[in-house]
Amino acid sequence: MDGVDVAEYISALERDGPLLADVAAEAGLTAAVPTCPGWQVRDLVRHQAYVHGWAARHVREQSAELIDGTTEEQILSGGPPDSELIAAYRQGHAALVRALREANPDVKCATFMPAPSPLAFWARRQAHETAIHRFDAQTATPGGAPDPAQAFEPAFAADGVDELIMGFAARRRYRPGGEGEQSLAARATDSGGCWHVRSTDGATEVHRGDRQADCVLEGPAEALYTFLWNRCDSARAAVKLTGDPAILDTWGSSVRVRW
């Protein structure tokens, strides 16, 4: 988490949140979201509105335990009617930004991945959560998915790759499809970041730094970010792959971020 500080995470969240709402209004709530199969834009907005409120509660209430999450089915079937949905989303997003901005830097509350502080965790997680779903909303517009290089800044994207690998891949059980050991390396050619994931017998080890691997991905951080989030097939053209491509199937099936 060295590349972007807490204030910059909050600024990124403040920028991408309203943009998601603007794009959702442009696409229309009934438009399909190609990067979230089975979802319409209304589902994307309802999901993100819930997550913003859930995250803000941890910071405001200083909850010592993770607040039980509602099921996705309940989230998508609840909330305000479509006519009020985007406005309600905007209000909830603004409340999250305020909660993060006004929080004591030493605020104590539950988190679900290692971080320098709870405030850093929630600011980072919600910045990337919102950025990726803003990108999802953009894919639902007539223009389709934007070029990742235009959608994300390299430093922010590299930080998102770091969160995925050092945070989520380490937290979730990474089960290889075959027997024996498998390893994946990602190298950002613009930011210089390098990461390594090694899985064996259902366990996972993650490291920063350049190491040999069975499958290696190299490309701009923005392309790696969207590709590893399983969000953008077009990013594949900007990513050079060497080694065993089947290992990517393991990544796609095992590292799935809910919120």
Protein backbone atom coordinates (compact mmCIF):
# COMPACT_ATOMS: atom_id res chain seq x y z
CA MET A 1 0.00 0.00 0.00
CA ASP A 2 2.93 2.35 -0.60
CA GLY A 3 1.76 3.83 -3.88
CA VAL A 4 -1.37 5.72 -2.85
CA ASP A 5 -2.14 7.36 0.51
CA VAL A 6 -5.45 7.43 2.38
CA ALA A 7 -6.42 10.89 1.17
CA GLU A 8 -5.86 9.80 -2.42
CA TYR A 9 -7.99 6.69 -1.93
CA ILE A 10 -10.81 8.89 -0.66
CA SER A 11 -10.34 11.29 -3.58
CA ALA A 12 -10.53 8.36 -6.00
CA LEU A 13 -13.72 7.16 -4.30
CA GLU A 14 -15.15 10.68 -4.45
CA ARG A 15 -14.41 10.85 -8.17
CA ASP A 16 -15.59 7.40 -9.26
CA GLY A 17 -18.77 7.27 -7.17
CA PRO A 18 -20.65 10.06 -8.97
CA LEU A 19 -19.26 8.89 -12.30
CA LEU A 20 -20.81 5.47 -11.70
CA ALA A 21 -24.16 7.16 -11.10
CA ASP A 22 -23.82 9.34 -14.20
CA VAL A 23 -22.97 6.37 -16.38
CA ALA A 24 -25.77 4.28 -14.89
CA ALA A 25 -28.25 7.01 -15.76
CA GLU A 26 -26.85 7.20 -19.28
CA ALA A 27 -27.00 3.43 -19.83
CA GLY A 28 -30.45 3.03 -18.25
CA LEU A 29 -31.29 0.78 -15.30
CA THR A 30 -32.47 -2.09 -17.49
CA ALA A 31 -29.30 -2.26 -19.61
CA ALA A 32 -27.30 -5.49 -19.33
CA VAL A 33 -23.86 -5.29 -17.70
CA PRO A 34 -21.53 -7.43 -19.86
CA THR A 35 -18.85 -7.71 -17.17
CA CYS A 36 -21.38 -8.94 -14.57
CA PRO A 37 -23.30 -11.69 -16.39
CA GLY A 38 -26.96 -11.81 -15.44
CA TRP A 39 -26.97 -8.30 -13.98
CA GLN A 40 -28.73 -5.21 -15.20
CA VAL A 41 -27.48 -1.74 -14.32
CA ARG A 42 -30.08 -1.53 -11.53
CA ASP A 43 -28.45 -4.57 -9.90
CA LEU A 44 -25.03 -2.96 -10.10
CA VAL A 45 -26.30 0.25 -8.49
CA ARG A 46 -28.18 -1.60 -5.76
CA HIS A 47 -25.11 -3.70 -4.97
CA GLN A 48 -22.80 -0.72 -4.79
CA ALA A 49 -25.23 1.34 -2.74
CA TYR A 50 -25.43 -1.45 -0.18
CA VAL A 51 -21.67 -1.90 -0.01
CA HIS A 52 -21.08 1.82 0.50
CA GLY A 53 -23.52 1.83 3.40
CA TRP A 54 -22.06 -1.35 4.88
CA ALA A 55 -18.52 0.03 4.74
CA ALA A 56 -19.54 3.39 6.21
CA ARG A 57 -21.19 1.67 9.19
CA HIS A 58 -17.94 0.02 10.20
CA VAL A 59 -16.16 3.37 10.33
CA ARG A 60 -18.98 5.40 11.92
CA GLU A 61 -19.97 2.77 14.49
CA GLN A 62 -16.38 1.64 15.12
CA SER A 63 -17.64 -1.92 15.03
CA ALA A 64 -15.19 -4.37 16.59
CA GLU A 65 -16.64 -7.23 14.52
CA LEU A 66 -17.50 -7.38 10.84
CA ILE A 67 -21.13 -6.46 10.38
CA ASP A 68 -23.05 -9.40 8.97
CA GLY A 69 -23.64 -8.87 5.29
CA THR A 70 -27.01 -9.26 3.61
CA THR A 71 -27.21 -11.89 0.88
CA GLU A 72 -26.85 -10.70 -2.68
CA GLU A 73 -30.38 -11.88 -3.42
CA GLN A 74 -31.73 -9.69 -0.63
CA ILE A 75 -29.68 -6.72 -1.79
CA LEU A 76 -30.87 -6.96 -5.38
CA SER A 77 -34.52 -7.38 -4.42
CA GLY A 78 -34.58 -4.62 -1.81
CA GLY A 79 -33.85 -0.95 -1.55
CA PRO A 80 -35.67 1.99 -3.08
CA PRO A 81 -37.73 1.79 -6.28
CA ASP A 82 -35.99 2.38 -9.59
CA SER A 83 -37.26 5.97 -9.76
CA GLU A 84 -35.34 6.79 -6.57
CA LEU A 85 -32.42 4.37 -6.87
CA ILE A 86 -29.71 6.55 -8.39
CA ALA A 87 -30.48 9.46 -6.07
CA ALA A 88 -30.34 7.12 -3.05
CA TYR A 89 -27.05 5.72 -4.31
CA ARG A 90 -25.59 9.23 -4.58
CA GLN A 91 -26.64 10.03 -1.02
CA GLY A 92 -25.10 6.85 0.34
CA HIS A 93 -21.87 7.41 -1.55
CA ALA A 94 -21.59 10.95 -0.20
CA ALA A 95 -22.19 9.63 3.32
CA LEU A 96 -19.35 7.12 2.91
CA VAL A 97 -16.96 9.82 1.72
CA ARG A 98 -17.90 11.98 4.72
CA ALA A 99 -17.44 9.08 7.13
CA LEU A 100 -13.94 8.40 5.80
CA ARG A 101 -12.95 12.06 5.65
CA GLU A 102 -14.20 12.85 9.14
CA ALA A 103 -12.88 9.70 10.82
CA ASN A 104 -10.04 9.89 13.29
CA PRO A 105 -6.92 8.49 11.56
CA ASP A 106 -6.59 6.11 14.53
CA VAL A 107 -10.19 4.90 14.36
CA LYS A 108 -10.55 1.29 15.49
CA CYS A 109 -12.96 -0.99 13.66
CA ALA A 110 -13.08 -4.41 12.05
CA THR A 111 -11.45 -5.15 8.70
CA PHE A 112 -11.08 -8.33 6.67
CA MET A 113 -7.57 -7.98 5.22
CA PRO A 114 -4.27 -6.70 6.65
CA ALA A 115 -3.71 -2.95 6.36
CA PRO A 116 -1.67 -0.22 8.07
CA SER A 117 -4.86 0.99 9.75
CA PRO A 118 -8.61 0.34 9.61
CA LEU A 119 -9.12 3.71 7.90
CA ALA A 120 -6.55 2.82 5.25
CA PHE A 121 -8.25 -0.53 4.70
CA TRP A 122 -11.76 0.85 4.22
CA ALA A 123 -10.62 3.77 2.06
CA ARG A 124 -8.59 1.48 -0.17
CA ARG A 125 -11.21 -1.27 -0.43
CA GLN A 126 -14.02 1.12 -1.29
CA ALA A 127 -11.89 3.06 -3.77
CA HIS A 128 -11.18 -0.09 -5.77
CA GLU A 129 -14.66 -1.55 -5.29
CA THR A 130 -16.18 1.62 -6.71
CA ALA A 131 -13.64 2.03 -9.51
CA ILE A 132 -14.22 -1.48 -10.83
CA HIS A 133 -18.00 -1.13 -10.66
CA ARG A 134 -17.77 2.26 -12.36
CA PHE A 135 -15.94 0.42 -15.15
CA ASP A 136 -18.71 -2.21 -15.14
CA ALA A 137 -21.31 0.53 -15.59
CA GLN A 138 -19.34 1.95 -18.50
CA THR A 139 -19.45 -1.42 -20.27
CA ALA A 140 -23.26 -1.17 -20.24
CA THR A 141 -23.31 2.05 -22.27
CA PRO A 142 -23.65 2.05 -26.07
CA GLY A 143 -19.92 2.76 -26.36
CA GLY A 144 -19.04 -0.39 -24.44
CA ALA A 145 -15.99 -1.02 -22.29
CA PRO A 146 -13.47 1.82 -22.30
CA ASP A 147 -9.79 1.23 -22.92
CA PRO A 148 -8.30 0.36 -19.50
CA ALA A 149 -5.49 2.83 -20.19
CA GLN A 150 -8.11 5.58 -20.34
CA ALA A 151 -10.17 4.22 -17.46
CA PHE A 152 -7.49 3.98 -14.75
CA GLU A 153 -4.30 5.75 -13.70
CA PRO A 154 -1.25 3.43 -13.66
CA ALA A 155 -0.41 3.97 -9.97
CA PHE A 156 -4.01 3.33 -8.90
CA ALA A 157 -4.25 0.25 -11.11
CA ALA A 158 -0.98 -1.14 -9.75
CA ASP A 159 -2.31 -0.66 -6.24
CA GLY A 160 -5.44 -2.55 -7.26
CA VAL A 161 -3.33 -5.45 -8.52
CA ASP A 162 -1.49 -5.38 -5.20
CA GLU A 163 -4.78 -5.56 -3.28
CA LEU A 164 -5.99 -8.47 -5.39
CA ILE A 165 -2.83 -10.53 -5.01
CA MET A 166 -1.50 -9.59 -1.58
CA GLY A 167 -4.97 -9.27 -0.09
CA PHE A 168 -7.68 -11.34 -1.75
CA ALA A 169 -5.54 -14.11 -3.25
CA ALA A 170 -3.88 -14.61 0.13
CA ARG A 171 -7.20 -14.55 1.98
CA ARG A 172 -9.19 -16.91 -0.19
CA ARG A 173 -8.20 -20.51 -0.74
CA TYR A 174 -6.53 -20.76 -4.12
CA ARG A 175 -7.20 -24.29 -5.34
CA PRO A 176 -5.34 -25.39 -8.47
CA GLY A 177 -7.30 -27.40 -10.98
CA GLY A 178 -4.58 -30.04 -11.28
CA GLU A 179 -2.21 -31.75 -8.93
CA GLY A 180 1.05 -30.37 -7.63
CA GLU A 181 2.38 -26.84 -7.38
CA GLN A 182 1.37 -23.93 -9.60
CA SER A 183 2.64 -20.37 -9.66
CA LEU A 184 1.59 -17.13 -11.30
CA ALA A 185 3.60 -13.93 -11.64
CA ALA A 186 2.34 -10.50 -12.69
CA ARG A 187 4.67 -7.74 -13.83
CA ALA A 188 3.48 -4.19 -14.46
CA THR A 189 5.63 -2.76 -17.22
CA ASP A 190 4.71 0.87 -16.52
CA SER A 191 4.68 1.05 -12.70
CA GLY A 192 7.38 -1.55 -12.18
CA GLY A 193 5.34 -3.56 -9.67
CA CYS A 194 5.81 -7.33 -9.54
CA TRP A 195 3.81 -9.97 -7.67
CA HIS A 196 3.96 -13.74 -7.27
CA VAL A 197 1.32 -16.29 -6.25
CA ARG A 198 2.28 -19.88 -5.44
CA SER A 199 -0.33 -22.52 -4.72
CA THR A 200 0.18 -26.08 -3.56
CA ASP A 201 -2.11 -28.57 -1.83
CA GLY A 202 -4.85 -25.97 -1.52
CA ALA A 203 -2.62 -23.42 0.24
CA THR A 204 -1.44 -20.09 -1.14
CA GLU A 205 1.68 -17.99 -0.72
CA VAL A 206 1.90 -14.47 -2.08
CA HIS A 207 4.92 -12.22 -2.46
CA ARG A 208 5.88 -8.87 -3.89
CA GLY A 209 8.89 -8.88 -6.17
CA ASP A 210 9.98 -10.64 -9.34
CA ARG A 211 10.18 -14.44 -9.17
CA GLN A 212 10.08 -17.26 -11.66
CA ALA A 213 6.62 -18.71 -12.24
CA ASP A 214 4.79 -21.31 -14.32
CA CYS A 215 2.65 -18.55 -15.86
CA VAL A 216 3.79 -14.95 -16.24
CA LEU A 217 1.66 -11.93 -17.12
CA GLU A 218 3.38 -8.74 -18.26
CA GLY A 219 1.71 -5.52 -19.31
CA PRO A 220 0.58 -2.06 -18.26
CA ALA A 221 -0.85 -1.95 -14.73
CA GLU A 222 -4.25 -0.86 -16.06
CA ALA A 223 -4.48 -3.93 -18.30
CA LEU A 224 -3.36 -6.27 -15.51
CA TYR A 225 -5.88 -4.67 -13.16
CA THR A 226 -8.91 -5.25 -15.36
CA PHE A 227 -7.65 -8.62 -16.62
CA LEU A 228 -7.02 -10.04 -13.13
CA TRP A 229 -10.40 -8.72 -11.98
CA ASN A 230 -11.83 -10.87 -14.81
CA ARG A 231 -13.39 -7.70 -16.17
CA CYS A 232 -12.03 -6.93 -19.60
CA ASP A 233 -11.27 -9.37 -22.40
CA SER A 234 -9.85 -6.53 -24.48
CA ALA A 235 -7.14 -6.02 -21.84
CA ARG A 236 -5.79 -9.44 -22.80
CA ALA A 237 -4.35 -7.94 -25.99
CA ALA A 238 -2.15 -5.63 -23.90
CA VAL A 239 -0.95 -8.43 -21.62
CA LYS A 240 1.90 -10.70 -22.68
CA LEU A 241 1.51 -14.24 -21.40
CA THR A 242 4.31 -16.76 -21.15
CA GLY A 243 4.13 -20.23 -19.67
CA ASP A 244 1.04 -22.31 -18.90
CA PRO A 245 -2.17 -20.38 -19.72
CA ALA A 246 -4.34 -22.98 -17.92
CA ILE A 247 -3.21 -21.47 -14.61
CA LEU A 248 -5.29 -18.40 -15.44
CA ASP A 249 -8.40 -20.56 -15.27
CA THR A 250 -7.52 -21.32 -11.67
CA TRP A 251 -7.21 -17.62 -10.91
CA GLY A 252 -10.53 -16.81 -12.56
CA SER A 253 -12.40 -19.51 -10.68
CA SER A 254 -10.86 -19.02 -7.24
CA VAL A 255 -10.22 -15.32 -6.67
CA ARG A 256 -13.69 -13.80 -6.71
CA VAL A 257 -14.31 -10.56 -4.87
CA ARG A 258 -17.75 -9.92 -3.40
CA TRP A 259 -16.99 -6.69 -1.57
